[in-house]
Amino acid sequence: MEIMMFIIFIVTNLFIILCMQFAYTHAYKYENGMYLNVHIPSSHKEDAEVTEIVTTGKCKMKHFQIANVIISIAICFIVFINIAVFVLVYIIWMFAYIFGIIHIPNSSHRKMYALKIQNGWIIETQRKKVYIDTRVSAEAGATTVSYKWHALFLITELAAYIPYFMLGDTHYNILMISLFLCSVLISTLSLVFHAFINKSERHVYSMDSKLNLIVNNTMKKYKSIAMLLLSGLNAVAWIYVALYTGITGILPASSYYVYIFIQLIAVLGFIVPIYMGLNRKKELLSANTSPIDVDDDEYWKTGYYYNPDDKHILIENRMQSGNYTFNYAKKGAWIFTGITCAITAGCIILVFVCMLPLINIQEKITLTNNNLTISAGGYTSEIDVNDITELKLLDELPDDSFLRTNGASTDSYDIGRYEGRTLGKCSLYVFDGYSPILMIKSDDTLVFVNSKED
């Protein structure tokens, strides 16, 4: 288990860092009349002050990325020492990385904007202009890749769940329902964003209407393909688990690894077309002989978009290639962000509360007034000794399929609430490799417990 987790997290970490490298580093090149997403006149792009901000920011980003490659790999080795510690350290690192990857370019962006204002590099005729290409607007929503394909994926995902549901095998219900709902959620969001992209890709880049149409249709095509690959491969991952479990009647760890692998391929299938589309867009616009220059830096001066006059709540993020952001002049953007942050904070607190007791598991067994209490890793079972119907010493756990419903399981221990296919609901306080195991059974409780001590 530890080896697989080590491999999965190292690959995931390096993949995340590579994606962030792609999303942010474009800003350090002078493109579309901008440095660090701030419009700078071409006559001043090589000024010493401009060059210093760009060079310093680029250097900070490079060092930050290299440091996090090393840190992210080093953190993964903790999994071989203590999985609970690894999870907590990983969460802390992830949020520190997210903060840094956003703060470093935004800090450089603000400095560049302040320099621009200080030097008066503003062309009033280019400020707050809105260009509309009626030919492009007329084709909003039209695309060569229909978003209706997502409906097929959703129907297939449902069809894969129905046989399992009808068989009446409830052993893996919680896991199967969770995976099914996650799959449906991803496909549904892909459908929604696909439809949104079809209608929102109507940008005006040039006075040449034909070029605008070609660029917008190109981006629609690549983004649509990205959404379909994400949704389709996500469906494949779920269908594999559903069919394997339905046919074999078990859900082994290997199925999780295959599921995660397919989902990683799905993410890759999403990112590659986006990258290809942005490169193609750059090629097309390089031949633009009549570009349209609009200086809207005022709306991006903090690194976040704030435009009270823009009715849209979701727009393309100029700070990150191929991404979208909210218009924080809209109340809905703050509400959604606040809810997301609250849910995230709640999940993190819950993880810490659950993981802290598992860092150093101490098993405690007490008998008070005929009440037997067994506790370990934050889990507790209480049994009235007068209700005990069976006590048995075992060399190992019974040959049953134990599904963890609320607990922790590693190569070293199994702690918490489980459900056996034959034995039903039970509690395990078992350290792997140690015997004997005491089975305690009452009318409504079944506990397996052992100790690392003689």
Protein backbone atom coordinates (compact mmCIF):
# COMPACT_ATOMS: atom_id res chain seq x y z
CA MET A 1 0.00 0.00 0.00
CA GLU A 2 2.74 2.45 1.00
CA ILE A 3 4.65 1.84 -2.24
CA MET A 4 1.57 2.51 -4.38
CA MET A 5 0.74 5.66 -2.41
CA PHE A 6 4.33 6.82 -2.80
CA ILE A 7 4.20 6.37 -6.59
CA ILE A 8 0.72 7.91 -6.98
CA PHE A 9 1.54 11.01 -4.93
CA ILE A 10 4.93 11.61 -6.54
CA VAL A 11 3.39 11.43 -10.01
CA THR A 12 0.49 13.66 -8.91
CA ASN A 13 2.79 16.23 -7.29
CA LEU A 14 5.07 16.52 -10.30
CA PHE A 15 2.04 16.71 -12.58
CA ILE A 16 0.54 19.57 -10.53
CA ILE A 17 3.82 21.51 -10.51
CA LEU A 18 4.19 21.02 -14.28
CA CYS A 19 0.65 22.31 -14.84
CA MET A 20 1.32 25.38 -12.72
CA GLN A 21 4.52 25.99 -14.65
CA PHE A 22 2.51 25.99 -17.85
CA ALA A 23 -0.27 28.19 -16.43
CA TYR A 24 1.85 30.97 -14.95
CA THR A 25 5.19 31.31 -16.74
CA HIS A 26 3.74 32.81 -19.94
CA ALA A 27 3.34 36.11 -18.07
CA TYR A 28 7.11 36.65 -17.95
CA LYS A 29 7.25 36.95 -21.75
CA TYR A 30 6.25 40.08 -23.63
CA GLU A 31 3.08 38.93 -25.38
CA ASN A 32 0.07 40.88 -26.69
CA GLY A 33 1.73 44.08 -25.52
CA MET A 34 1.93 42.85 -21.92
CA TYR A 35 4.50 41.94 -19.31
CA LEU A 36 3.15 40.16 -16.25
CA ASN A 37 -0.37 40.74 -17.64
CA VAL A 38 0.11 44.50 -17.58
CA HIS A 39 0.05 46.52 -20.81
CA ILE A 40 3.45 48.11 -21.31
CA PRO A 41 4.23 50.24 -24.39
CA SER A 42 6.67 48.45 -26.69
CA SER A 43 8.93 51.51 -26.49
CA HIS A 44 9.37 50.87 -22.74
CA LYS A 45 9.46 47.08 -22.58
CA GLU A 46 13.26 47.05 -22.24
CA ASP A 47 13.47 49.82 -19.63
CA ALA A 48 15.67 48.92 -16.66
CA GLU A 49 12.80 49.12 -14.16
CA VAL A 50 10.58 46.89 -16.27
CA THR A 51 13.34 44.36 -16.87
CA GLU A 52 14.19 44.24 -13.16
CA ILE A 53 10.62 43.43 -12.11
CA VAL A 54 10.30 40.74 -14.79
CA THR A 55 13.71 39.18 -14.06
CA THR A 56 13.23 39.21 -10.29
CA GLY A 57 9.75 37.70 -10.55
CA LYS A 58 10.88 35.03 -12.99
CA CYS A 59 13.82 34.13 -10.74
CA LYS A 60 11.56 33.84 -7.68
CA MET A 61 9.14 31.62 -9.59
CA LYS A 62 11.97 29.39 -10.84
CA HIS A 63 13.44 28.93 -7.35
CA PHE A 64 9.97 28.38 -5.89
CA GLN A 65 9.18 25.66 -8.42
CA ILE A 66 12.52 23.87 -8.01
CA ALA A 67 12.21 24.00 -4.21
CA ASN A 68 8.73 22.50 -4.37
CA VAL A 69 9.79 19.70 -6.69
CA ILE A 70 12.34 18.70 -4.05
CA ILE A 71 9.95 19.22 -1.12
CA SER A 72 7.06 17.36 -2.78
CA ILE A 73 9.29 14.33 -3.45
CA ALA A 74 10.77 14.40 0.06
CA ILE A 75 7.29 14.56 1.64
CA CYS A 76 6.27 11.35 -0.15
CA PHE A 77 8.92 9.38 1.75
CA ILE A 78 7.01 10.09 4.98
CA VAL A 79 4.40 7.59 3.78
CA PHE A 80 6.85 4.80 4.67
CA ILE A 81 7.16 6.14 8.23
CA ASN A 82 3.64 7.18 9.21
CA ILE A 83 0.70 7.60 6.83
CA ALA A 84 -1.21 9.89 9.20
CA VAL A 85 1.76 12.25 9.49
CA PHE A 86 2.16 12.12 5.71
CA VAL A 87 -1.46 13.18 5.12
CA LEU A 88 -1.19 16.13 7.51
CA VAL A 89 2.16 17.31 6.14
CA TYR A 90 0.91 16.89 2.57
CA ILE A 91 -2.14 19.09 3.24
CA ILE A 92 0.04 21.80 4.80
CA TRP A 93 2.47 21.67 1.86
CA MET A 94 -0.34 21.77 -0.71
CA PHE A 95 -1.88 24.92 0.73
CA ALA A 96 1.54 26.56 1.13
CA TYR A 97 2.24 25.74 -2.52
CA ILE A 98 -1.12 27.13 -3.69
CA PHE A 99 -0.51 30.34 -1.73
CA GLY A 100 3.02 30.72 -3.16
CA ILE A 101 2.12 29.95 -6.78
CA ILE A 102 -0.60 32.63 -6.66
CA HIS A 103 1.24 35.20 -4.54
CA ILE A 104 4.55 35.34 -6.47
CA PRO A 105 3.15 36.29 -9.91
CA ASN A 106 0.45 38.51 -8.37
CA SER A 107 3.09 40.38 -6.39
CA SER A 108 5.13 40.99 -9.55
CA HIS A 109 1.94 41.98 -11.40
CA ARG A 110 1.09 44.63 -8.80
CA LYS A 111 4.61 46.05 -8.94
CA MET A 112 4.42 46.28 -12.74
CA TYR A 113 1.02 47.96 -12.58
CA ALA A 114 2.29 50.46 -10.00
CA LEU A 115 5.27 51.24 -12.28
CA LYS A 116 2.93 51.75 -15.22
CA ILE A 117 0.74 54.20 -13.26
CA GLN A 118 3.80 55.96 -11.88
CA ASN A 119 5.17 56.57 -15.38
CA GLY A 120 1.82 57.39 -16.94
CA TRP A 121 1.99 54.59 -19.53
CA ILE A 122 -1.72 54.81 -20.23
CA ILE A 123 -3.31 55.51 -23.60
CA GLU A 124 -6.70 57.00 -22.81
CA THR A 125 -8.15 56.01 -26.19
CA GLN A 126 -7.54 52.32 -25.34
CA ARG A 127 -9.07 52.35 -21.88
CA LYS A 128 -12.37 50.62 -21.10
CA LYS A 129 -13.23 49.99 -24.72
CA VAL A 130 -15.57 47.17 -25.63
CA TYR A 131 -15.37 45.67 -29.11
CA ILE A 132 -18.10 43.48 -30.57
CA ASP A 133 -17.73 41.41 -33.70
CA THR A 134 -21.29 40.73 -34.88
CA ARG A 135 -20.16 37.85 -37.08
CA VAL A 136 -18.56 36.10 -34.10
CA SER A 137 -21.51 36.89 -31.81
CA ALA A 138 -23.93 35.46 -34.37
CA GLU A 139 -22.15 32.10 -34.13
CA ALA A 140 -22.05 32.00 -30.32
CA GLY A 141 -23.14 28.54 -29.24
CA ALA A 142 -22.26 26.92 -32.55
CA THR A 143 -19.51 24.30 -32.47
CA THR A 144 -18.24 21.33 -34.44
CA VAL A 145 -18.05 19.29 -31.21
CA SER A 146 -21.45 18.97 -29.54
CA TYR A 147 -21.79 19.05 -25.77
CA LYS A 148 -24.65 16.53 -26.09
CA TRP A 149 -22.07 13.71 -26.11
CA HIS A 150 -21.86 14.19 -22.34
CA ALA A 151 -25.43 12.92 -22.07
CA LEU A 152 -24.25 9.60 -23.51
CA PHE A 153 -21.53 9.37 -20.86
CA LEU A 154 -24.04 10.13 -18.10
CA ILE A 155 -26.47 7.48 -19.37
CA THR A 156 -23.62 4.94 -19.56
CA GLU A 157 -22.55 5.75 -15.99
CA LEU A 158 -26.11 5.22 -14.78
CA ALA A 159 -26.41 1.99 -16.76
CA ALA A 160 -23.23 0.67 -15.12
CA TYR A 161 -24.69 1.32 -11.65
CA ILE A 162 -28.16 -0.17 -12.22
CA PRO A 163 -27.06 -3.88 -12.31
CA TYR A 164 -25.13 -3.47 -9.07
CA PHE A 165 -28.11 -1.74 -7.47
CA MET A 166 -30.54 -4.43 -8.61
CA LEU A 167 -28.39 -7.30 -7.31
CA GLY A 168 -29.10 -6.07 -3.81
CA ASP A 169 -25.48 -6.54 -2.60
CA THR A 170 -25.11 -3.80 -0.02
CA HIS A 171 -21.58 -4.69 1.08
CA TYR A 172 -19.92 -1.93 -0.96
CA ASN A 173 -22.90 0.43 -1.04
CA ILE A 174 -21.23 3.47 0.51
CA LEU A 175 -18.13 3.25 -1.69
CA MET A 176 -20.04 2.47 -4.87
CA ILE A 177 -22.55 5.27 -4.34
CA SER A 178 -19.70 7.70 -3.59
CA LEU A 179 -17.78 6.76 -6.74
CA PHE A 180 -20.97 6.86 -8.81
CA LEU A 181 -21.90 10.33 -7.57
CA CYS A 182 -18.36 11.62 -8.13
CA SER A 183 -18.44 10.29 -11.68
CA VAL A 184 -21.82 11.88 -12.40
CA LEU A 185 -20.68 15.18 -10.86
CA ILE A 186 -17.56 15.36 -13.05
CA SER A 187 -19.50 14.51 -16.22
CA THR A 188 -22.24 17.01 -15.35
CA LEU A 189 -19.74 19.80 -14.69
CA SER A 190 -17.98 18.93 -17.95
CA LEU A 191 -21.30 19.23 -19.79
CA VAL A 192 -22.07 22.60 -18.16
CA PHE A 193 -18.62 24.04 -18.92
CA HIS A 194 -18.75 22.66 -22.46
CA ALA A 195 -22.03 24.48 -23.08
CA PHE A 196 -20.65 27.61 -21.38
CA ILE A 197 -17.54 27.60 -23.58
CA ASN A 198 -19.64 27.29 -26.74
CA LYS A 199 -21.48 30.48 -25.83
CA SER A 200 -18.65 32.47 -24.22
CA GLU A 201 -15.93 32.06 -26.87
CA ARG A 202 -16.65 35.23 -28.85
CA HIS A 203 -13.62 37.38 -28.21
CA VAL A 204 -12.48 40.14 -30.51
CA TYR A 205 -8.75 40.03 -31.23
CA SER A 206 -8.53 41.89 -34.50
CA MET A 207 -10.30 44.21 -36.93
CA ASP A 208 -10.27 41.18 -39.23
CA SER A 209 -13.61 39.48 -38.54
CA LYS A 210 -12.58 36.31 -40.34
CA LEU A 211 -9.54 35.90 -38.06
CA ASN A 212 -11.69 36.45 -34.97
CA LEU A 213 -14.05 33.72 -36.13
CA ILE A 214 -11.22 31.28 -36.85
CA VAL A 215 -9.54 31.86 -33.46
CA ASN A 216 -12.78 31.56 -31.50
CA ASN A 217 -13.84 28.40 -33.33
CA THR A 218 -10.37 26.92 -32.83
CA MET A 219 -10.49 27.49 -29.09
CA LYS A 220 -14.04 26.12 -28.94
CA LYS A 221 -12.92 22.96 -30.69
CA TYR A 222 -9.90 22.29 -28.48
CA LYS A 223 -11.69 23.14 -25.23
CA SER A 224 -14.66 21.00 -26.26
CA ILE A 225 -12.37 18.05 -26.96
CA ALA A 226 -10.74 18.59 -23.56
CA MET A 227 -14.13 18.48 -21.83
CA LEU A 228 -15.20 15.36 -23.71
CA LEU A 229 -11.96 13.53 -22.92
CA LEU A 230 -12.27 14.43 -19.24
CA SER A 231 -15.91 13.32 -19.11
CA GLY A 232 -15.41 10.18 -21.22
CA LEU A 233 -12.36 8.86 -19.38
CA ASN A 234 -14.00 9.67 -16.05
CA ALA A 235 -16.91 7.49 -17.17
CA VAL A 236 -14.49 4.70 -18.15
CA ALA A 237 -12.90 4.79 -14.67
CA TRP A 238 -16.29 4.42 -12.97
CA ILE A 239 -17.56 1.75 -15.38
CA TYR A 240 -14.40 -0.32 -14.78
CA VAL A 241 -14.97 -0.30 -11.01
CA ALA A 242 -18.70 -0.98 -11.36
CA LEU A 243 -18.24 -3.92 -13.76
CA TYR A 244 -15.31 -5.42 -11.83
CA THR A 245 -17.19 -5.27 -8.54
CA GLY A 246 -20.41 -6.53 -10.09
CA ILE A 247 -18.72 -9.51 -11.75
CA THR A 248 -16.28 -10.55 -9.02
CA GLY A 249 -18.23 -9.39 -5.98
CA ILE A 250 -15.14 -7.75 -4.46
CA LEU A 251 -13.49 -4.34 -4.58
CA PRO A 252 -9.74 -4.88 -4.00
CA ALA A 253 -7.10 -2.17 -3.61
CA SER A 254 -5.92 -2.85 -7.18
CA SER A 255 -9.26 -1.53 -8.46
CA TYR A 256 -8.64 1.77 -6.69
CA TYR A 257 -5.22 2.04 -8.30
CA VAL A 258 -6.66 1.38 -11.76
CA TYR A 259 -9.42 3.92 -11.06
CA ILE A 260 -6.89 6.57 -9.98
CA PHE A 261 -4.66 5.82 -12.98
CA ILE A 262 -7.55 6.28 -15.44
CA GLN A 263 -8.56 9.52 -13.72
CA LEU A 264 -5.00 10.82 -14.05
CA ILE A 265 -5.15 9.98 -17.77
CA ALA A 266 -8.47 11.88 -17.87
CA VAL A 267 -6.81 14.97 -16.38
CA LEU A 268 -3.99 14.64 -18.90
CA GLY A 269 -6.58 14.28 -21.66
CA PHE A 270 -8.09 17.55 -20.46
CA ILE A 271 -4.85 19.52 -20.24
CA VAL A 272 -3.16 18.47 -23.51
CA PRO A 273 -5.92 19.80 -25.84
CA ILE A 274 -6.02 23.07 -23.87
CA TYR A 275 -2.27 23.42 -24.32
CA MET A 276 -2.52 22.59 -28.03
CA GLY A 277 -5.36 25.09 -28.45
CA LEU A 278 -3.44 27.92 -26.79
CA ASN A 279 -0.41 27.23 -29.01
CA ARG A 280 -2.62 27.21 -32.10
CA LYS A 281 -4.24 30.46 -30.97
CA LYS A 282 -0.80 32.03 -30.60
CA GLU A 283 0.15 30.92 -34.13
CA LEU A 284 -3.03 32.38 -35.61
CA LEU A 285 -2.68 35.71 -33.82
CA SER A 286 0.97 36.03 -34.81
CA ALA A 287 -0.30 36.81 -38.33
CA ASN A 288 -2.70 39.45 -37.01
CA THR A 289 -2.02 42.62 -39.03
CA SER A 290 -4.72 44.73 -37.39
CA PRO A 291 -4.76 43.85 -33.67
CA ILE A 292 -7.15 45.50 -31.25
CA ASP A 293 -5.54 46.94 -28.14
CA VAL A 294 -7.72 47.43 -25.08
CA ASP A 295 -6.09 48.59 -21.86
CA ASP A 296 -8.25 47.03 -19.13
CA ASP A 297 -5.44 46.71 -16.58
CA GLU A 298 -7.43 48.77 -14.10
CA TYR A 299 -9.79 45.82 -13.64
CA TRP A 300 -6.87 43.44 -12.98
CA LYS A 301 -4.68 45.70 -10.84
CA THR A 302 -4.89 43.48 -7.73
CA GLY A 303 -4.30 40.30 -9.70
CA TYR A 304 -8.03 39.52 -9.52
CA TYR A 305 -10.75 40.72 -11.86
CA TYR A 306 -13.02 43.47 -10.52
CA ASN A 307 -15.26 45.19 -13.04
CA PRO A 308 -18.68 46.47 -11.88
CA ASP A 309 -19.65 47.27 -15.48
CA ASP A 310 -19.15 43.67 -16.68
CA LYS A 311 -22.34 41.66 -16.26
CA HIS A 312 -20.48 38.35 -16.47
CA ILE A 313 -19.63 36.55 -13.25
CA LEU A 314 -17.24 34.04 -14.85
CA ILE A 315 -14.58 35.14 -17.37
CA GLU A 316 -11.28 33.93 -18.81
CA ASN A 317 -8.45 34.42 -16.36
CA ARG A 318 -5.75 36.63 -17.83
CA MET A 319 -3.42 35.69 -14.98
CA GLN A 320 -3.47 31.95 -15.81
CA SER A 321 -3.40 30.46 -19.29
CA GLY A 322 -6.50 28.42 -20.15
CA ASN A 323 -8.25 29.08 -16.84
CA TYR A 324 -11.33 31.01 -15.71
CA THR A 325 -11.92 33.34 -12.79
CA PHE A 326 -14.72 35.23 -11.12
CA ASN A 327 -15.63 38.88 -11.48
CA TYR A 328 -15.31 39.92 -7.84
CA ALA A 329 -17.41 43.00 -8.42
CA LYS A 330 -20.35 40.60 -8.36
CA LYS A 331 -21.89 39.48 -5.08
CA GLY A 332 -22.36 35.95 -6.37
CA ALA A 333 -18.60 35.53 -6.85
CA TRP A 334 -17.95 36.34 -3.20
CA ILE A 335 -20.78 34.06 -2.03
CA PHE A 336 -19.49 31.11 -4.09
CA THR A 337 -15.89 31.73 -3.00
CA GLY A 338 -16.95 32.05 0.64
CA ILE A 339 -18.96 28.81 0.56
CA THR A 340 -16.09 26.99 -1.16
CA CYS A 341 -13.57 28.27 1.39
CA ALA A 342 -15.86 27.33 4.30
CA ILE A 343 -16.38 23.80 2.97
CA THR A 344 -12.64 23.41 2.32
CA ALA A 345 -11.76 24.68 5.80
CA GLY A 346 -14.31 22.32 7.34
CA CYS A 347 -12.89 19.35 5.44
CA ILE A 348 -9.34 20.22 6.49
CA ILE A 349 -10.34 20.54 10.16
CA LEU A 350 -12.15 17.21 9.93
CA VAL A 351 -9.08 15.53 8.40
CA PHE A 352 -6.83 16.92 11.15
CA VAL A 353 -9.27 15.81 13.86
CA CYS A 354 -9.37 12.30 12.38
CA MET A 355 -5.66 11.99 11.62
CA LEU A 356 -4.06 13.38 14.78
CA PRO A 357 -5.08 10.37 16.94
CA LEU A 358 -3.60 8.04 14.29
CA ILE A 359 -0.09 9.53 14.45
CA ASN A 360 0.81 7.45 17.48
CA ILE A 361 -1.87 4.85 18.12
CA GLN A 362 -2.16 3.87 21.76
CA GLU A 363 -4.55 1.05 22.51
CA LYS A 364 -6.42 1.30 25.80
CA ILE A 365 -8.60 -1.41 27.35
CA THR A 366 -10.42 -0.72 30.63
CA LEU A 367 -13.03 -2.56 32.69
CA THR A 368 -15.20 -0.39 34.95
CA ASN A 369 -18.38 -1.58 36.66
CA ASN A 370 -18.78 -4.51 34.24
CA ASN A 371 -18.36 -2.10 31.30
CA LEU A 372 -15.53 -3.08 28.92
CA THR A 373 -14.11 -0.14 26.96
CA ILE A 374 -11.69 -0.54 24.06
CA SER A 375 -10.24 2.52 22.39
CA ALA A 376 -7.50 3.31 19.88
CA GLY A 377 -6.86 5.96 17.23
CA GLY A 378 -9.90 8.03 18.19
CA TYR A 379 -12.33 5.09 18.00
CA THR A 380 -14.08 3.52 20.99
CA SER A 381 -16.20 0.43 21.60
CA GLU A 382 -18.11 -0.25 24.80
CA ILE A 383 -19.52 -3.64 25.78
CA ASP A 384 -21.38 -4.68 28.91
CA VAL A 385 -19.62 -7.89 30.03
CA ASN A 386 -23.00 -9.35 30.99
CA ASP A 387 -24.05 -9.10 27.32
CA ILE A 388 -21.03 -10.97 25.96
CA THR A 389 -22.15 -14.14 24.19
CA GLU A 390 -18.83 -15.35 22.82
CA LEU A 391 -15.11 -14.91 23.51
CA LYS A 392 -12.57 -16.54 21.25
CA LEU A 393 -8.81 -16.33 20.65
CA LEU A 394 -7.87 -16.41 16.97
CA ASP A 395 -4.52 -16.73 15.23
CA GLU A 396 -5.70 -14.28 12.61
CA LEU A 397 -8.79 -12.43 11.46
CA PRO A 398 -11.59 -14.62 10.05
CA ASP A 399 -11.44 -15.28 6.31
CA ASP A 400 -13.97 -12.62 5.37
CA SER A 401 -14.06 -9.52 3.17
CA PHE A 402 -13.80 -6.60 5.59
CA LEU A 403 -14.88 -3.23 4.17
CA ARG A 404 -13.77 -0.15 6.07
CA THR A 405 -16.78 2.12 6.61
CA ASN A 406 -15.23 4.56 9.09
CA GLY A 407 -11.68 3.99 10.17
CA ALA A 408 -8.06 3.71 9.15
CA SER A 409 -6.29 0.87 7.43
CA THR A 410 -2.61 0.53 6.51
CA ASP A 411 -0.11 -2.27 6.21
CA SER A 412 0.47 -1.85 9.97
CA TYR A 413 -3.02 -1.65 11.47
CA ASP A 414 -6.79 -1.78 10.94
CA ILE A 415 -8.62 0.53 13.32
CA GLY A 416 -12.26 1.63 13.38
CA ARG A 417 -15.60 0.51 11.94
CA TYR A 418 -15.75 -2.24 9.32
CA GLU A 419 -18.32 -4.46 7.70
CA GLY A 420 -17.66 -8.07 6.85
CA ARG A 421 -19.52 -9.70 3.99
CA THR A 422 -20.38 -12.65 6.28
CA LEU A 423 -19.88 -11.26 9.77
CA GLY A 424 -21.60 -7.93 9.19
CA LYS A 425 -20.80 -4.77 11.12
CA CYS A 426 -17.84 -4.95 13.49
CA SER A 427 -15.05 -2.90 15.06
CA LEU A 428 -11.37 -3.67 14.54
CA TYR A 429 -8.49 -2.72 16.82
CA VAL A 430 -5.95 -4.93 15.12
CA PHE A 431 -2.22 -4.44 14.60
CA ASP A 432 -1.11 -6.50 11.59
CA GLY A 433 1.37 -9.28 12.25
CA TYR A 434 0.51 -9.72 15.92
CA SER A 435 -1.42 -12.59 17.45
CA PRO A 436 -3.54 -13.82 19.09
CA ILE A 437 -6.61 -11.76 18.17
CA LEU A 438 -9.44 -11.68 20.70
CA MET A 439 -12.96 -11.82 19.29
CA ILE A 440 -15.62 -10.35 21.58
CA LYS A 441 -19.23 -10.82 20.58
CA SER A 442 -22.49 -9.64 22.10
CA ASP A 443 -26.00 -9.45 20.71
CA ASP A 444 -25.34 -6.16 18.90
CA THR A 445 -21.54 -5.78 18.96
CA LEU A 446 -18.62 -7.61 17.39
CA VAL A 447 -15.06 -6.54 18.19
CA PHE A 448 -11.66 -7.89 17.17
CA VAL A 449 -8.72 -6.68 19.21
CA ASN A 450 -5.08 -7.58 19.74
CA SER A 451 -1.98 -5.95 21.13
CA LYS A 452 1.60 -5.31 20.07
CA GLU A 453 2.63 -6.22 23.59
CA ASP A 454 2.84 -9.76 24.94
